[in-house]
Structures are given as structure tokens and as C-alpha cells.
Amino acid sequence: MQLHWIWLATRAGLGDRGRMLLLQRFADAEDVYFAETGEYARVEGLSPEAISSLQEKSLAEAEQILADCQRENIRILTWQDARYPAALKNISDPPMILYYRGILPEFNDHPFIGVVGTRKASAYGLKLAETVSKQIARSGGIVVSGMAEGIDAMATRGALAEGKPVVGVLGCGVDVVYPRCNRELFLKMERCGCLLSEYPPETKP
């Protein structure tokens, strides 16, 4: 159930590695939620602070985040979903939840390549970012960038121009436009690309 995944993702003092330790012992987030304190204590590597946080069973915060997602047309991808990126899933501390707007690409069927760089790029650097990103898209790759001003934004525009999947990974909620000068690009990504974040709605940069 998404509610329990959000609850797990928002436990203070746990961290993504701690959450992975729990999922190695329990079947899913719902099982983690309904576990007794003694079961948490048997998970090696959990701090007292993490165990205390897991004992807090209120779902109010998770319910609010879920309501915000429904209101803002933000979708949720949990660690157990089949479309969760396999390469991300296999790192030591993958995020439990990915929030997204737009069209989620089939990550597991295509190579994806990060194109990132300076915010204050030269004209040559901007042109090269656009050209390289177009070539990646034409070759069947998925361009992934950070949506920052400069190289990131130009790489995103280049891939979008080819009409191919492109992903913007944000350090804020997917409903937060940052930087504001990229507002038009954000709107286009919502229609033609995918805005992706591990942070819940309204999270500031």
C-alpha cells in the first residue's frame, strides 16, 4: 500500500540504507509498519533513534503527502514496483519512493545517460550539450539531467526536440519550479518528458 511506503520513507533517523535493512527482513513496507518493537531490535544496524521513529505509527503525514500527490497529479513509484529503475534499485541506498509528473519512460528497456554541467556555460558548451543530447535521443538512449540553468537545461531541450523520452531529476518536489527561469521548460517536461524526485510535494530546493 502506498501509504505505508510513504510512512517508511519519512521515518526520521533511518536513512535509505536503514530502510533497505528493514526490507531485507520484512516483505514490504506494510509488514515493516505492523511489526513489533522487538522485531525492529533484531534488525542489525538500526540505531535507537531509528527504532524509536519506527514506533511512531501515525499515518497523518503520509496521508497528507498522498492527498497532495492526488491534488497535484503527482504519481508515486515505490521500490517494489516493476517499473522502478533496476540500476537504481541495485545501489546500496535506493530511495524508497520516486515521485513523478509526466510520462515515465521504460527505464529497464533503454540505456539512460546523465548529461549535467555548469550553470554558467559558454555558448560553445551550451551548443555541445544540445548536440550530444540530440544524438543520445536519436540513438535510443534516455537523457537524464538535473533541470538546472545552463548545461542541464540545454541538454533537456535537446532531447525534447527529438521527441524522445527525457528525465529531469530534481532536488525538490516535482511541483516546485526551480530555477524559475526554467518555468516554460518544466511545463513542457510535464507534457512530453518526466519530472522525477525522491522528495515529496512542496519540498523546497
N, C-alpha and C. Protein backbone atom coordinates (compact mmCIF):
# COMPACT_ATOMS: atom_id res chain seq x y z
N MET A 1 0.84 -1.19 0.00
CA MET A 1 0.00 0.00 0.00
C MET A 1 0.88 1.24 0.00
N GLN A 2 0.60 2.21 -0.88
CA GLN A 2 1.44 3.39 -1.00
C GLN A 2 1.56 4.16 0.31
N LEU A 3 0.52 4.17 1.09
CA LEU A 3 0.52 4.91 2.35
C LEU A 3 1.65 4.43 3.26
N HIS A 4 1.84 3.12 3.33
CA HIS A 4 2.88 2.58 4.20
C HIS A 4 4.28 2.83 3.63
N TRP A 5 4.40 2.86 2.32
CA TRP A 5 5.70 3.19 1.71
C TRP A 5 6.07 4.63 2.03
N ILE A 6 5.09 5.53 1.95
CA ILE A 6 5.36 6.93 2.29
C ILE A 6 5.74 7.05 3.76
N TRP A 7 5.02 6.33 4.62
CA TRP A 7 5.34 6.33 6.05
C TRP A 7 6.78 5.89 6.26
N LEU A 8 7.20 4.81 5.61
CA LEU A 8 8.56 4.30 5.77
C LEU A 8 9.59 5.31 5.25
N ALA A 9 9.28 5.93 4.12
CA ALA A 9 10.21 6.88 3.50
C ALA A 9 10.40 8.15 4.34
N THR A 10 9.45 8.42 5.22
CA THR A 10 9.52 9.66 6.02
C THR A 10 9.95 9.42 7.47
N ARG A 11 10.41 8.20 7.78
CA ARG A 11 10.87 7.95 9.15
C ARG A 11 12.19 8.66 9.41
N ALA A 12 12.22 9.50 10.42
CA ALA A 12 13.44 10.24 10.77
C ALA A 12 14.48 9.30 11.37
N GLY A 13 15.75 9.62 11.14
CA GLY A 13 16.85 8.86 11.75
C GLY A 13 17.08 7.51 11.13
N LEU A 14 16.45 7.23 10.00
CA LEU A 14 16.55 5.90 9.41
C LEU A 14 17.49 5.90 8.21
N GLY A 15 17.24 6.76 7.25
CA GLY A 15 18.06 6.80 6.04
C GLY A 15 17.71 5.66 5.11
N ASP A 16 18.09 5.81 3.85
CA ASP A 16 17.73 4.78 2.86
C ASP A 16 18.43 3.45 3.13
N ARG A 17 19.62 3.47 3.67
CA ARG A 17 20.30 2.21 4.00
C ARG A 17 19.57 1.47 5.12
N GLY A 18 19.10 2.23 6.10
CA GLY A 18 18.33 1.62 7.18
C GLY A 18 17.04 1.02 6.66
N ARG A 19 16.41 1.70 5.72
CA ARG A 19 15.18 1.16 5.13
C ARG A 19 15.46 -0.13 4.36
N MET A 20 16.62 -0.17 3.70
CA MET A 20 16.97 -1.40 2.98
C MET A 20 17.22 -2.55 3.96
N LEU A 21 17.79 -2.26 5.10
CA LEU A 21 17.99 -3.30 6.11
C LEU A 21 16.64 -3.88 6.54
N LEU A 22 15.65 -3.01 6.69
CA LEU A 22 14.32 -3.47 7.07
C LEU A 22 13.69 -4.33 5.98
N LEU A 23 13.87 -3.93 4.73
CA LEU A 23 13.25 -4.69 3.63
C LEU A 23 13.95 -6.03 3.38
N GLN A 24 15.16 -6.16 3.90
CA GLN A 24 15.83 -7.46 3.82
C GLN A 24 15.23 -8.44 4.82
N ARG A 25 14.56 -7.90 5.85
CA ARG A 25 13.96 -8.75 6.87
C ARG A 25 12.44 -8.90 6.70
N PHE A 26 11.80 -7.83 6.26
CA PHE A 26 10.35 -7.83 6.10
C PHE A 26 9.98 -7.83 4.62
N ALA A 27 8.79 -8.31 4.31
CA ALA A 27 8.39 -8.47 2.91
C ALA A 27 8.19 -7.14 2.20
N ASP A 28 7.60 -6.16 2.89
CA ASP A 28 7.34 -4.87 2.26
C ASP A 28 7.11 -3.82 3.35
N ALA A 29 6.78 -2.62 2.92
CA ALA A 29 6.60 -1.51 3.88
C ALA A 29 5.45 -1.75 4.83
N GLU A 30 4.40 -2.41 4.37
CA GLU A 30 3.26 -2.69 5.24
C GLU A 30 3.67 -3.62 6.38
N ASP A 31 4.49 -4.63 6.07
CA ASP A 31 4.99 -5.53 7.11
C ASP A 31 5.87 -4.78 8.11
N VAL A 32 6.67 -3.84 7.61
CA VAL A 32 7.51 -3.02 8.49
C VAL A 32 6.62 -2.22 9.44
N TYR A 33 5.56 -1.65 8.90
CA TYR A 33 4.65 -0.81 9.69
C TYR A 33 4.02 -1.60 10.84
N PHE A 34 3.58 -2.81 10.56
CA PHE A 34 2.84 -3.59 11.56
C PHE A 34 3.75 -4.44 12.46
N ALA A 35 5.06 -4.35 12.28
CA ALA A 35 5.98 -5.12 13.11
C ALA A 35 6.01 -4.58 14.54
N GLU A 36 6.38 -5.45 15.46
CA GLU A 36 6.51 -5.06 16.86
C GLU A 36 7.91 -4.50 17.12
N THR A 37 8.04 -3.77 18.23
CA THR A 37 9.33 -3.16 18.56
C THR A 37 10.44 -4.18 18.67
N GLY A 38 10.13 -5.33 19.23
CA GLY A 38 11.14 -6.38 19.38
C GLY A 38 11.67 -6.86 18.04
N GLU A 39 10.84 -6.84 17.02
CA GLU A 39 11.28 -7.25 15.68
C GLU A 39 12.24 -6.23 15.09
N TYR A 40 12.00 -4.96 15.34
CA TYR A 40 12.92 -3.92 14.87
C TYR A 40 14.29 -4.08 15.53
N ALA A 41 14.27 -4.40 16.82
CA ALA A 41 15.52 -4.52 17.57
C ALA A 41 16.40 -5.64 17.05
N ARG A 42 15.79 -6.60 16.37
CA ARG A 42 16.58 -7.73 15.83
C ARG A 42 17.19 -7.42 14.47
N VAL A 43 16.89 -6.26 13.92
CA VAL A 43 17.49 -5.86 12.65
C VAL A 43 18.83 -5.20 12.94
N GLU A 44 19.91 -5.88 12.62
CA GLU A 44 21.24 -5.38 12.93
C GLU A 44 21.53 -4.09 12.13
N GLY A 45 22.03 -3.08 12.83
CA GLY A 45 22.42 -1.85 12.16
C GLY A 45 21.46 -0.69 12.38
N LEU A 46 20.30 -0.96 12.98
CA LEU A 46 19.34 0.13 13.25
C LEU A 46 19.72 0.84 14.55
N SER A 47 19.73 2.17 14.51
CA SER A 47 20.05 2.95 15.70
C SER A 47 18.83 3.04 16.61
N PRO A 48 19.05 3.35 17.89
CA PRO A 48 17.91 3.57 18.79
C PRO A 48 16.96 4.64 18.28
N GLU A 49 17.51 5.69 17.66
CA GLU A 49 16.68 6.76 17.11
C GLU A 49 15.79 6.22 16.00
N ALA A 50 16.35 5.34 15.14
CA ALA A 50 15.56 4.76 14.05
C ALA A 50 14.44 3.90 14.60
N ILE A 51 14.74 3.09 15.61
CA ILE A 51 13.73 2.21 16.20
C ILE A 51 12.62 3.03 16.84
N SER A 52 13.00 4.11 17.50
CA SER A 52 12.01 5.00 18.10
C SER A 52 11.11 5.61 17.03
N SER A 53 11.69 5.99 15.91
CA SER A 53 10.91 6.57 14.82
C SER A 53 9.94 5.56 14.23
N LEU A 54 10.36 4.30 14.15
CA LEU A 54 9.50 3.25 13.61
C LEU A 54 8.33 2.93 14.54
N GLN A 55 8.48 3.25 15.82
CA GLN A 55 7.40 3.01 16.78
C GLN A 55 6.29 4.05 16.66
N GLU A 56 6.58 5.16 15.96
CA GLU A 56 5.57 6.20 15.74
C GLU A 56 4.69 5.77 14.57
N LYS A 57 3.49 5.35 14.85
CA LYS A 57 2.63 4.72 13.84
C LYS A 57 1.60 5.68 13.22
N SER A 58 1.67 6.93 13.53
CA SER A 58 0.73 7.86 12.92
C SER A 58 0.94 7.92 11.41
N LEU A 59 -0.17 7.87 10.68
CA LEU A 59 -0.11 7.95 9.22
C LEU A 59 -0.54 9.33 8.71
N ALA A 60 -0.66 10.28 9.62
CA ALA A 60 -1.17 11.60 9.23
C ALA A 60 -0.29 12.27 8.19
N GLU A 61 1.03 12.23 8.38
CA GLU A 61 1.93 12.85 7.42
C GLU A 61 1.85 12.15 6.07
N ALA A 62 1.83 10.83 6.09
CA ALA A 62 1.74 10.06 4.85
C ALA A 62 0.42 10.33 4.13
N GLU A 63 -0.65 10.43 4.88
CA GLU A 63 -1.96 10.72 4.28
C GLU A 63 -1.97 12.10 3.63
N GLN A 64 -1.30 13.07 4.27
CA GLN A 64 -1.24 14.43 3.71
C GLN A 64 -0.43 14.44 2.41
N ILE A 65 0.70 13.72 2.41
CA ILE A 65 1.53 13.65 1.20
C ILE A 65 0.76 12.98 0.07
N LEU A 66 0.05 11.91 0.38
CA LEU A 66 -0.74 11.21 -0.63
C LEU A 66 -1.84 12.12 -1.18
N ALA A 67 -2.48 12.87 -0.30
CA ALA A 67 -3.53 13.81 -0.74
C ALA A 67 -2.93 14.91 -1.62
N ASP A 68 -1.74 15.40 -1.26
CA ASP A 68 -1.06 16.41 -2.07
C ASP A 68 -0.75 15.86 -3.46
N CYS A 69 -0.31 14.62 -3.51
CA CYS A 69 0.01 13.99 -4.80
C CYS A 69 -1.24 13.87 -5.67
N GLN A 70 -2.34 13.47 -5.07
CA GLN A 70 -3.58 13.33 -5.83
C GLN A 70 -4.06 14.68 -6.34
N ARG A 71 -3.93 15.71 -5.51
CA ARG A 71 -4.38 17.05 -5.88
C ARG A 71 -3.51 17.64 -7.00
N GLU A 72 -2.21 17.38 -6.95
CA GLU A 72 -1.26 17.97 -7.90
C GLU A 72 -0.94 17.05 -9.08
N ASN A 73 -1.67 15.95 -9.20
CA ASN A 73 -1.44 15.00 -10.30
C ASN A 73 0.00 14.49 -10.31
N ILE A 74 0.48 14.13 -9.14
CA ILE A 74 1.82 13.57 -8.98
C ILE A 74 1.67 12.07 -8.71
N ARG A 75 2.40 11.29 -9.45
CA ARG A 75 2.32 9.84 -9.29
C ARG A 75 3.47 9.32 -8.44
N ILE A 76 3.27 8.12 -7.92
CA ILE A 76 4.23 7.53 -6.99
C ILE A 76 4.72 6.18 -7.51
N LEU A 77 6.04 6.01 -7.43
CA LEU A 77 6.65 4.74 -7.80
C LEU A 77 7.41 4.24 -6.58
N THR A 78 7.04 3.06 -6.06
CA THR A 78 7.73 2.53 -4.88
C THR A 78 8.84 1.58 -5.29
N TRP A 79 9.71 1.30 -4.34
CA TRP A 79 10.87 0.43 -4.57
C TRP A 79 10.45 -0.94 -5.09
N GLN A 80 9.26 -1.40 -4.76
CA GLN A 80 8.82 -2.73 -5.18
C GLN A 80 8.10 -2.74 -6.54
N ASP A 81 7.81 -1.57 -7.09
CA ASP A 81 7.11 -1.52 -8.37
C ASP A 81 7.99 -2.05 -9.50
N ALA A 82 7.37 -2.74 -10.45
CA ALA A 82 8.12 -3.34 -11.56
C ALA A 82 8.82 -2.30 -12.42
N ARG A 83 8.27 -1.08 -12.50
CA ARG A 83 8.85 -0.05 -13.35
C ARG A 83 9.91 0.80 -12.65
N TYR A 84 10.17 0.50 -11.39
CA TYR A 84 11.24 1.19 -10.68
C TYR A 84 12.56 0.86 -11.38
N PRO A 85 13.42 1.87 -11.66
CA PRO A 85 14.66 1.62 -12.42
C PRO A 85 15.55 0.58 -11.75
N ALA A 86 15.85 -0.50 -12.47
CA ALA A 86 16.63 -1.60 -11.91
C ALA A 86 18.02 -1.15 -11.47
N ALA A 87 18.66 -0.30 -12.27
CA ALA A 87 20.01 0.16 -11.92
C ALA A 87 20.01 0.95 -10.62
N LEU A 88 18.95 1.73 -10.38
CA LEU A 88 18.83 2.50 -9.14
C LEU A 88 18.50 1.57 -7.98
N LYS A 89 17.68 0.59 -8.25
CA LYS A 89 17.27 -0.35 -7.21
C LYS A 89 18.46 -1.13 -6.65
N ASN A 90 19.47 -1.32 -7.46
CA ASN A 90 20.59 -2.16 -7.07
C ASN A 90 21.73 -1.42 -6.38
N ILE A 91 21.59 -0.11 -6.12
CA ILE A 91 22.60 0.56 -5.32
C ILE A 91 22.33 0.28 -3.84
N SER A 92 23.28 0.65 -2.99
CA SER A 92 23.15 0.27 -1.58
C SER A 92 22.08 1.05 -0.83
N ASP A 93 21.73 2.23 -1.33
CA ASP A 93 20.75 3.05 -0.60
C ASP A 93 19.76 3.71 -1.56
N PRO A 94 18.97 2.91 -2.28
CA PRO A 94 18.00 3.50 -3.22
C PRO A 94 16.86 4.17 -2.46
N PRO A 95 16.31 5.25 -3.02
CA PRO A 95 15.14 5.87 -2.39
C PRO A 95 13.95 4.92 -2.43
N MET A 96 13.19 4.90 -1.36
CA MET A 96 12.03 4.01 -1.27
C MET A 96 10.92 4.42 -2.22
N ILE A 97 10.84 5.73 -2.48
CA ILE A 97 9.76 6.27 -3.31
C ILE A 97 10.33 7.26 -4.32
N LEU A 98 9.79 7.21 -5.53
CA LEU A 98 10.06 8.23 -6.53
C LEU A 98 8.73 8.89 -6.87
N TYR A 99 8.69 10.20 -6.82
CA TYR A 99 7.50 10.96 -7.19
C TYR A 99 7.73 11.48 -8.61
N TYR A 100 6.71 11.45 -9.44
CA TYR A 100 6.93 11.94 -10.80
C TYR A 100 5.69 12.57 -11.41
N ARG A 101 5.97 13.44 -12.36
CA ARG A 101 4.96 14.04 -13.23
C ARG A 101 5.38 13.79 -14.67
N GLY A 102 4.40 13.62 -15.53
CA GLY A 102 4.71 13.42 -16.94
C GLY A 102 4.66 11.97 -17.34
N ILE A 103 5.47 11.62 -18.32
CA ILE A 103 5.46 10.27 -18.91
C ILE A 103 6.66 9.50 -18.40
N LEU A 104 6.42 8.49 -17.57
CA LEU A 104 7.52 7.69 -17.04
C LEU A 104 8.06 6.77 -18.13
N PRO A 105 9.34 6.89 -18.50
CA PRO A 105 9.88 6.01 -19.54
C PRO A 105 10.13 4.60 -19.01
N GLU A 106 10.34 3.68 -19.93
CA GLU A 106 10.67 2.31 -19.55
C GLU A 106 12.18 2.25 -19.29
N PHE A 107 12.56 2.59 -18.07
CA PHE A 107 13.97 2.65 -17.72
C PHE A 107 14.71 1.34 -17.98
N ASN A 108 14.02 0.25 -17.75
CA ASN A 108 14.70 -1.04 -17.82
C ASN A 108 14.83 -1.57 -19.24
N ASP A 109 14.30 -0.84 -20.22
CA ASP A 109 14.38 -1.27 -21.62
C ASP A 109 15.33 -0.42 -22.46
N HIS A 110 15.88 0.63 -21.86
CA HIS A 110 16.74 1.55 -22.62
C HIS A 110 17.96 1.94 -21.79
N PRO A 111 19.08 2.27 -22.47
CA PRO A 111 20.20 2.87 -21.73
C PRO A 111 19.83 4.30 -21.36
N PHE A 112 20.23 4.74 -20.19
CA PHE A 112 19.99 6.14 -19.83
C PHE A 112 21.31 6.79 -19.45
N ILE A 113 21.49 8.02 -19.92
CA ILE A 113 22.77 8.71 -19.82
C ILE A 113 22.58 10.07 -19.19
N GLY A 114 23.32 10.34 -18.12
CA GLY A 114 23.25 11.63 -17.46
C GLY A 114 24.06 12.68 -18.20
N VAL A 115 23.45 13.82 -18.44
CA VAL A 115 24.14 14.95 -19.06
C VAL A 115 23.97 16.15 -18.13
N VAL A 116 25.04 16.52 -17.46
CA VAL A 116 24.98 17.62 -16.50
C VAL A 116 26.21 18.52 -16.66
N GLY A 117 26.13 19.72 -16.14
CA GLY A 117 27.28 20.62 -16.25
C GLY A 117 27.04 21.94 -15.56
N THR A 118 27.89 22.88 -15.87
CA THR A 118 27.88 24.18 -15.19
C THR A 118 26.63 25.00 -15.51
N ARG A 119 26.24 25.82 -14.57
CA ARG A 119 25.11 26.72 -14.79
C ARG A 119 25.51 27.91 -15.67
N LYS A 120 26.77 28.29 -15.61
CA LYS A 120 27.26 29.44 -16.39
C LYS A 120 28.15 28.93 -17.53
N ALA A 121 27.52 28.38 -18.53
CA ALA A 121 28.25 27.76 -19.63
C ALA A 121 28.53 28.76 -20.74
N SER A 122 29.56 28.46 -21.52
CA SER A 122 29.85 29.24 -22.72
C SER A 122 28.84 28.87 -23.81
N ALA A 123 28.79 29.69 -24.84
CA ALA A 123 27.90 29.39 -25.97
C ALA A 123 28.28 28.06 -26.59
N TYR A 124 29.58 27.79 -26.68
CA TYR A 124 30.04 26.50 -27.24
C TYR A 124 29.58 25.34 -26.37
N GLY A 125 29.71 25.50 -25.05
CA GLY A 125 29.29 24.44 -24.14
C GLY A 125 27.80 24.14 -24.25
N LEU A 126 26.99 25.18 -24.36
CA LEU A 126 25.55 25.00 -24.50
C LEU A 126 25.21 24.28 -25.80
N LYS A 127 25.87 24.68 -26.88
CA LYS A 127 25.62 24.05 -28.17
C LYS A 127 26.02 22.58 -28.14
N LEU A 128 27.14 22.29 -27.51
CA LEU A 128 27.61 20.90 -27.43
C LEU A 128 26.65 20.04 -26.61
N ALA A 129 26.14 20.60 -25.49
CA ALA A 129 25.19 19.86 -24.65
C ALA A 129 23.93 19.52 -25.44
N GLU A 130 23.47 20.48 -26.24
CA GLU A 130 22.29 20.26 -27.07
C GLU A 130 22.55 19.19 -28.12
N THR A 131 23.69 19.28 -28.80
CA THR A 131 24.03 18.34 -29.87
C THR A 131 24.18 16.92 -29.34
N VAL A 132 24.93 16.78 -28.25
CA VAL A 132 25.16 15.45 -27.67
C VAL A 132 23.84 14.83 -27.22
N SER A 133 22.98 15.63 -26.60
CA SER A 133 21.71 15.11 -26.10
C SER A 133 20.79 14.68 -27.24
N LYS A 134 20.81 15.43 -28.34
CA LYS A 134 20.04 15.03 -29.51
C LYS A 134 20.54 13.69 -30.05
N GLN A 135 21.85 13.52 -30.09
CA GLN A 135 22.43 12.27 -30.60
C GLN A 135 22.09 11.08 -29.71
N ILE A 136 22.12 11.32 -28.40
CA ILE A 136 21.74 10.24 -27.46
C ILE A 136 20.30 9.82 -27.71
N ALA A 137 19.41 10.81 -27.84
CA ALA A 137 17.99 10.53 -28.05
C ALA A 137 17.77 9.79 -29.37
N ARG A 138 18.45 10.23 -30.42
CA ARG A 138 18.30 9.58 -31.72
C ARG A 138 18.78 8.15 -31.70
N SER A 139 19.74 7.87 -30.84
CA SER A 139 20.33 6.52 -30.77
C SER A 139 19.57 5.58 -29.84
N GLY A 140 18.48 6.07 -29.27
CA GLY A 140 17.66 5.21 -28.41
C GLY A 140 17.95 5.33 -26.94
N GLY A 141 18.83 6.26 -26.55
CA GLY A 141 19.12 6.45 -25.13
C GLY A 141 18.17 7.44 -24.49
N ILE A 142 18.08 7.40 -23.18
CA ILE A 142 17.26 8.35 -22.42
C ILE A 142 18.19 9.35 -21.74
N VAL A 143 18.02 10.61 -22.06
CA VAL A 143 18.81 11.65 -21.43
C VAL A 143 18.23 11.96 -20.05
N VAL A 144 19.11 11.95 -19.05
CA VAL A 144 18.72 12.29 -17.68
C VAL A 144 19.54 13.50 -17.25
N SER A 145 18.87 14.54 -16.77
CA SER A 145 19.60 15.73 -16.34
C SER A 145 18.93 16.33 -15.12
N GLY A 146 19.53 17.43 -14.63
CA GLY A 146 19.08 17.97 -13.36
C GLY A 146 18.16 19.17 -13.44
N MET A 147 17.87 19.65 -14.65
CA MET A 147 16.95 20.77 -14.86
C MET A 147 17.49 22.11 -14.36
N ALA A 148 18.79 22.17 -14.02
CA ALA A 148 19.37 23.44 -13.59
C ALA A 148 19.57 24.34 -14.80
N GLU A 149 19.78 25.61 -14.54
CA GLU A 149 20.07 26.54 -15.61
C GLU A 149 21.41 26.18 -16.26
N GLY A 150 21.57 26.46 -17.53
CA GLY A 150 22.84 26.19 -18.21
C GLY A 150 22.85 24.87 -18.95
N ILE A 151 23.89 24.06 -18.72
CA ILE A 151 24.07 22.80 -19.45
C ILE A 151 22.89 21.86 -19.26
N ASP A 152 22.41 21.71 -18.00
CA ASP A 152 21.31 20.78 -17.72
C ASP A 152 20.07 21.13 -18.55
N ALA A 153 19.70 22.41 -18.52
CA ALA A 153 18.50 22.84 -19.24
C ALA A 153 18.66 22.64 -20.74
N MET A 154 19.85 22.96 -21.28
CA MET A 154 20.07 22.80 -22.72
C MET A 154 20.06 21.33 -23.13
N ALA A 155 20.60 20.46 -22.30
CA ALA A 155 20.57 19.03 -22.58
C ALA A 155 19.13 18.53 -22.63
N THR A 156 18.32 19.00 -21.71
CA THR A 156 16.91 18.62 -21.67
C THR A 156 16.18 19.11 -22.92
N ARG A 157 16.44 20.34 -23.32
CA ARG A 157 15.80 20.90 -24.52
C ARG A 157 16.22 20.11 -25.76
N GLY A 158 17.48 19.73 -25.83
CA GLY A 158 17.96 18.98 -26.99
C GLY A 158 17.25 17.65 -27.14
N ALA A 159 17.10 16.93 -26.05
CA ALA A 159 16.43 15.62 -26.09
C ALA A 159 14.94 15.79 -26.40
N LEU A 160 14.31 16.80 -25.80
CA LEU A 160 12.89 17.04 -26.06
C LEU A 160 12.65 17.37 -27.54
N ALA A 161 13.60 18.06 -28.16
CA ALA A 161 13.45 18.44 -29.56
C ALA A 161 13.36 17.23 -30.48
N GLU A 162 13.91 16.09 -30.02
CA GLU A 162 13.87 14.87 -30.81
C GLU A 162 12.60 14.05 -30.57
N GLY A 163 11.77 14.51 -29.64
CA GLY A 163 10.54 13.80 -29.34
C GLY A 163 10.75 12.46 -28.67
N LYS A 164 11.86 12.35 -27.94
CA LYS A 164 12.20 11.09 -27.28
C LYS A 164 12.08 11.23 -25.77
N PRO A 165 12.06 10.12 -25.03
CA PRO A 165 11.97 10.20 -23.57
C PRO A 165 13.14 10.98 -22.97
N VAL A 166 12.85 11.82 -22.02
CA VAL A 166 13.87 12.58 -21.29
C VAL A 166 13.41 12.75 -19.85
N VAL A 167 14.35 12.69 -18.92
CA VAL A 167 14.01 12.73 -17.50
C VAL A 167 14.76 13.87 -16.81
N GLY A 168 14.04 14.65 -16.03
CA GLY A 168 14.64 15.69 -15.19
C GLY A 168 14.58 15.25 -13.75
N VAL A 169 15.73 15.07 -13.12
CA VAL A 169 15.78 14.65 -11.72
C VAL A 169 15.97 15.89 -10.85
N LEU A 170 15.07 16.09 -9.91
CA LEU A 170 15.02 17.33 -9.14
C LEU A 170 15.49 17.14 -7.70
N GLY A 171 16.07 18.21 -7.16
CA GLY A 171 16.44 18.24 -5.76
C GLY A 171 15.39 18.95 -4.93
N CYS A 172 14.14 18.85 -5.36
CA CYS A 172 12.99 19.46 -4.68
C CYS A 172 11.75 18.67 -5.10
N GLY A 173 10.59 19.08 -4.65
CA GLY A 173 9.37 18.42 -5.09
C GLY A 173 9.11 18.67 -6.57
N VAL A 174 8.45 17.73 -7.24
CA VAL A 174 8.21 17.90 -8.68
C VAL A 174 7.19 18.99 -8.98
N ASP A 175 6.56 19.52 -7.94
CA ASP A 175 5.63 20.64 -8.12
C ASP A 175 6.30 21.99 -7.87
N VAL A 176 7.59 21.98 -7.62
CA VAL A 176 8.35 23.20 -7.35
C VAL A 176 9.22 23.53 -8.56
N VAL A 177 8.98 24.67 -9.18
CA VAL A 177 9.76 25.09 -10.34
C VAL A 177 11.02 25.79 -9.86
N TYR A 178 12.16 25.17 -10.12
CA TYR A 178 13.44 25.76 -9.73
C TYR A 178 14.52 25.35 -10.73
N PRO A 179 15.24 26.32 -11.29
CA PRO A 179 15.08 27.76 -11.12
C PRO A 179 13.85 28.28 -11.87
N ARG A 180 13.32 29.41 -11.44
CA ARG A 180 12.08 29.93 -12.02
C ARG A 180 12.24 30.31 -13.49
N CYS A 181 13.47 30.60 -13.91
CA CYS A 181 13.69 30.96 -15.31
C CYS A 181 13.42 29.77 -16.24
N ASN A 182 13.34 28.57 -15.68
CA ASN A 182 13.08 27.37 -16.48
C ASN A 182 11.60 26.95 -16.44
N ARG A 183 10.73 27.85 -16.05
CA ARG A 183 9.31 27.51 -15.90
C ARG A 183 8.72 26.90 -17.17
N GLU A 184 9.01 27.52 -18.32
CA GLU A 184 8.48 27.02 -19.58
C GLU A 184 8.99 25.60 -19.86
N LEU A 185 10.25 25.35 -19.53
CA LEU A 185 10.83 24.02 -19.72
C LEU A 185 10.15 22.99 -18.81
N PHE A 186 9.87 23.39 -17.57
CA PHE A 186 9.18 22.50 -16.64
C PHE A 186 7.80 22.11 -17.18
N LEU A 187 7.09 23.10 -17.71
CA LEU A 187 5.75 22.84 -18.24
C LEU A 187 5.82 21.88 -19.42
N LYS A 188 6.83 22.05 -20.26
CA LYS A 188 6.99 21.14 -21.41
C LYS A 188 7.35 19.74 -20.95
N MET A 189 8.18 19.64 -19.91
CA MET A 189 8.55 18.33 -19.38
C MET A 189 7.34 17.60 -18.82
N GLU A 190 6.41 18.33 -18.21
CA GLU A 190 5.20 17.71 -17.69
C GLU A 190 4.36 17.11 -18.82
N ARG A 191 4.41 17.72 -19.99
CA ARG A 191 3.62 17.25 -21.14
C ARG A 191 4.34 16.16 -21.94
N CYS A 192 5.65 16.32 -22.11
CA CYS A 192 6.39 15.48 -23.06
C CYS A 192 7.51 14.65 -22.44
N GLY A 193 7.92 14.99 -21.23
CA GLY A 193 9.02 14.28 -20.58
C GLY A 193 8.59 13.75 -19.23
N CYS A 194 9.54 13.66 -18.32
CA CYS A 194 9.23 13.14 -16.98
C CYS A 194 10.04 13.91 -15.94
N LEU A 195 9.36 14.51 -14.98
CA LEU A 195 10.00 15.15 -13.84
C LEU A 195 9.98 14.15 -12.69
N LEU A 196 11.14 13.93 -12.09
CA LEU A 196 11.29 12.84 -11.12
C LEU A 196 12.02 13.35 -9.88
N SER A 197 11.57 12.92 -8.69
CA SER A 197 12.21 13.32 -7.46
C SER A 197 11.98 12.29 -6.37
N GLU A 198 12.91 12.19 -5.45
CA GLU A 198 12.69 11.34 -4.28
C GLU A 198 12.03 12.13 -3.15
N TYR A 199 11.80 13.44 -3.38
CA TYR A 199 11.23 14.30 -2.36
C TYR A 199 9.74 14.51 -2.57
N PRO A 200 8.95 14.55 -1.49
CA PRO A 200 7.50 14.72 -1.62
C PRO A 200 7.12 16.11 -2.09
N PRO A 201 5.87 16.30 -2.49
CA PRO A 201 5.41 17.61 -2.97
C PRO A 201 5.73 18.73 -1.98
N GLU A 202 5.98 19.91 -2.55
CA GLU A 202 6.22 21.15 -1.83
C GLU A 202 7.58 21.20 -1.14
N THR A 203 8.43 20.19 -1.32
CA THR A 203 9.78 20.23 -0.76
C THR A 203 10.59 21.28 -1.51
N LYS A 204 11.17 22.22 -0.77
CA LYS A 204 11.95 23.30 -1.39
C LYS A 204 13.32 22.78 -1.82
N PRO A 205 13.97 23.48 -2.76
CA PRO A 205 15.32 23.07 -3.21
C PRO A 205 16.32 23.03 -2.06
